[in-house]
């Protein structure tokens, strides 16, 4: 191990220790400060919106929608069961994704 990597590992260990201490000693404050959704939940939401637009507006089948989005058709089906359509066009979905 070089001196540079050893220093980096020590810093990473220190940062992880501090994060763990904050989460352990102030769990509610830590959770209130981080009001973000998990990436998987956000990506599932937007995949569902894209699937709705493709299926309802462009009359694509479940298999065609799965091929376009690159997802298994079972996942497309589950997403359509878990979410409701909130966008009417692909441009609206794209704008929502780019604006966060």
C-alpha atoms as a PDB file:
ATOM      1  CA  UNK A   1       0.000   0.000   0.000  1.00  0.00           C
ATOM      2  CA  UNK A   2       1.340   3.371  -0.910  1.00  0.00           C
ATOM      3  CA  UNK A   3       1.271   6.353   1.376  1.00  0.00           C
ATOM      4  CA  UNK A   4      -1.383   8.037  -0.783  1.00  0.00           C
ATOM      5  CA  UNK A   5      -3.800   5.088  -0.739  1.00  0.00           C
ATOM      6  CA  UNK A   6      -3.268   4.574   2.998  1.00  0.00           C
ATOM      7  CA  UNK A   7      -4.155   8.237   3.630  1.00  0.00           C
ATOM      8  CA  UNK A   8      -7.239   7.933   1.402  1.00  0.00           C
ATOM      9  CA  UNK A   9      -8.376   4.783   3.208  1.00  0.00           C
ATOM     10  CA  UNK A  10      -7.949   6.481   6.577  1.00  0.00           C
ATOM     11  CA  UNK A  11     -10.035   9.439   5.420  1.00  0.00           C
ATOM     12  CA  UNK A  12     -12.771   7.160   4.056  1.00  0.00           C
ATOM     13  CA  UNK A  13     -12.818   5.221   7.312  1.00  0.00           C
ATOM     14  CA  UNK A  14     -13.090   8.480   9.249  1.00  0.00           C
ATOM     15  CA  UNK A  15     -15.973   9.722   7.077  1.00  0.00           C
ATOM     16  CA  UNK A  16     -17.851   6.432   7.408  1.00  0.00           C
ATOM     17  CA  UNK A  17     -17.365   6.492  11.163  1.00  0.00           C
ATOM     18  CA  UNK A  18     -18.784  10.036  11.312  1.00  0.00           C
ATOM     19  CA  UNK A  19     -21.791   9.088   9.162  1.00  0.00           C
ATOM     20  CA  UNK A  20     -22.449   6.085  11.363  1.00  0.00           C
ATOM     21  CA  UNK A  21     -22.216   8.235  14.512  1.00  0.00           C
ATOM     22  CA  UNK A  22     -24.660  10.788  13.094  1.00  0.00           C
ATOM     23  CA  UNK A  23     -27.114   8.076  12.098  1.00  0.00           C
ATOM     24  CA  UNK A  24     -26.790   6.317  15.450  1.00  0.00           C
ATOM     25  CA  UNK A  25     -26.939   9.316  17.791  1.00  0.00           C
ATOM     26  CA  UNK A  26     -29.375  11.497  15.850  1.00  0.00           C
ATOM     27  CA  UNK A  27     -31.432   9.147  13.673  1.00  0.00           C
ATOM     28  CA  UNK A  28     -34.496  11.381  13.341  1.00  0.00           C
ATOM     29  CA  UNK A  29     -32.477  14.494  12.523  1.00  0.00           C
ATOM     30  CA  UNK A  30     -30.469  12.516   9.986  1.00  0.00           C
ATOM     31  CA  UNK A  31     -33.603  11.179   8.305  1.00  0.00           C
ATOM     32  CA  UNK A  32     -35.279  14.617   8.269  1.00  0.00           C
ATOM     33  CA  UNK A  33     -32.265  16.176   6.571  1.00  0.00           C
ATOM     34  CA  UNK A  34     -32.306  13.614   3.773  1.00  0.00           C
ATOM     35  CA  UNK A  35     -35.675  14.031   2.122  1.00  0.00           C
ATOM     36  CA  UNK A  36     -34.761  12.229  -1.070  1.00  0.00           C
ATOM     37  CA  UNK A  37     -36.358   9.136  -2.524  1.00  0.00           C
ATOM     38  CA  UNK A  38     -34.320   6.054  -3.356  1.00  0.00           C
ATOM     39  CA  UNK A  39     -33.071   5.969  -6.939  1.00  0.00           C
ATOM     40  CA  UNK A  40     -34.865   2.691  -7.637  1.00  0.00           C
ATOM     41  CA  UNK A  41     -38.210   4.192  -6.616  1.00  0.00           C
ATOM     42  CA  UNK A  42     -37.678   7.241  -8.821  1.00  0.00           C
ATOM     43  CA  UNK A  43     -36.548   5.203 -11.820  1.00  0.00           C
ATOM     44  CA  UNK A  44     -39.486   2.800 -11.412  1.00  0.00           C
ATOM     45  CA  UNK A  45     -41.863   5.766 -11.363  1.00  0.00           C
ATOM     46  CA  UNK A  46     -40.491   7.221 -14.594  1.00  0.00           C
ATOM     47  CA  UNK A  47     -40.355   3.811 -16.290  1.00  0.00           C
ATOM     48  CA  UNK A  48     -44.016   3.380 -15.364  1.00  0.00           C
ATOM     49  CA  UNK A  49     -44.880   6.789 -16.815  1.00  0.00           C
ATOM     50  CA  UNK A  50     -43.026   5.977 -20.044  1.00  0.00           C
ATOM     51  CA  UNK A  51     -44.801   2.629 -20.235  1.00  0.00           C
ATOM     52  CA  UNK A  52     -48.193   4.300 -19.754  1.00  0.00           C
ATOM     53  CA  UNK A  53     -47.528   6.810 -22.521  1.00  0.00           C
ATOM     54  CA  UNK A  54     -46.265   4.134 -24.908  1.00  0.00           C
ATOM     55  CA  UNK A  55     -49.180   1.795 -24.215  1.00  0.00           C
ATOM     56  CA  UNK A  56     -52.042   4.287 -24.002  1.00  0.00           C
ATOM     57  CA  UNK A  57     -51.019   7.014 -26.444  1.00  0.00           C
ATOM     58  CA  UNK A  58     -48.996   5.058 -28.995  1.00  0.00           C
ATOM     59  CA  UNK A  59     -50.966   1.789 -28.681  1.00  0.00           C
ATOM     60  CA  UNK A  60     -47.901  -0.395 -28.119  1.00  0.00           C
ATOM     61  CA  UNK A  61     -48.363  -3.902 -26.773  1.00  0.00           C
ATOM     62  CA  UNK A  62     -46.854  -5.023 -23.483  1.00  0.00           C
ATOM     63  CA  UNK A  63     -44.062  -6.875 -25.324  1.00  0.00           C
ATOM     64  CA  UNK A  64     -43.319  -3.914 -27.611  1.00  0.00           C
ATOM     65  CA  UNK A  65     -43.198  -1.564 -24.618  1.00  0.00           C
ATOM     66  CA  UNK A  66     -40.833  -3.938 -22.832  1.00  0.00           C
ATOM     67  CA  UNK A  67     -38.583  -4.065 -25.902  1.00  0.00           C
ATOM     68  CA  UNK A  68     -38.545  -0.275 -26.265  1.00  0.00           C
ATOM     69  CA  UNK A  69     -37.718   0.325 -22.601  1.00  0.00           C
ATOM     70  CA  UNK A  70     -35.340  -2.626 -22.357  1.00  0.00           C
ATOM     71  CA  UNK A  71     -37.151  -4.158 -19.384  1.00  0.00           C
ATOM     72  CA  UNK A  72     -38.803  -7.540 -18.865  1.00  0.00           C
ATOM     73  CA  UNK A  73     -42.501  -7.468 -19.654  1.00  0.00           C
ATOM     74  CA  UNK A  74     -43.291  -8.759 -16.157  1.00  0.00           C
ATOM     75  CA  UNK A  75     -41.720  -5.639 -14.694  1.00  0.00           C
ATOM     76  CA  UNK A  76     -43.688  -3.432 -17.092  1.00  0.00           C
ATOM     77  CA  UNK A  77     -46.872  -5.161 -15.942  1.00  0.00           C
ATOM     78  CA  UNK A  78     -45.994  -4.688 -12.240  1.00  0.00           C
ATOM     79  CA  UNK A  79     -45.150  -1.035 -12.792  1.00  0.00           C
ATOM     80  CA  UNK A  80     -48.474  -0.440 -14.494  1.00  0.00           C
ATOM     81  CA  UNK A  81     -50.217  -2.048 -11.514  1.00  0.00           C
ATOM     82  CA  UNK A  82     -48.331   0.047  -8.933  1.00  0.00           C
ATOM     83  CA  UNK A  83     -48.582   3.515 -10.513  1.00  0.00           C
ATOM     84  CA  UNK A  84     -51.149   5.667 -12.288  1.00  0.00           C
ATOM     85  CA  UNK A  85     -50.570   7.683 -15.441  1.00  0.00           C
ATOM     86  CA  UNK A  86     -49.660  11.291 -14.701  1.00  0.00           C
ATOM     87  CA  UNK A  87     -48.172  12.397 -18.037  1.00  0.00           C
ATOM     88  CA  UNK A  88     -49.765  12.490 -21.471  1.00  0.00           C
ATOM     89  CA  UNK A  89     -46.732  12.858 -23.734  1.00  0.00           C
ATOM     90  CA  UNK A  90     -43.178  11.628 -23.916  1.00  0.00           C
ATOM     91  CA  UNK A  91     -42.007  15.250 -23.927  1.00  0.00           C
ATOM     92  CA  UNK A  92     -43.735  15.868 -20.587  1.00  0.00           C
ATOM     93  CA  UNK A  93     -42.003  12.826 -19.068  1.00  0.00           C
ATOM     94  CA  UNK A  94     -38.661  13.945 -20.501  1.00  0.00           C
ATOM     95  CA  UNK A  95     -39.156  17.448 -19.079  1.00  0.00           C
ATOM     96  CA  UNK A  96     -40.039  16.037 -15.655  1.00  0.00           C
ATOM     97  CA  UNK A  97     -36.937  13.848 -15.692  1.00  0.00           C
ATOM     98  CA  UNK A  98     -34.659  16.710 -16.673  1.00  0.00           C
ATOM     99  CA  UNK A  99     -36.153  19.045 -14.049  1.00  0.00           C
ATOM    100  CA  UNK A 100     -35.900  16.426 -11.337  1.00  0.00           C
END
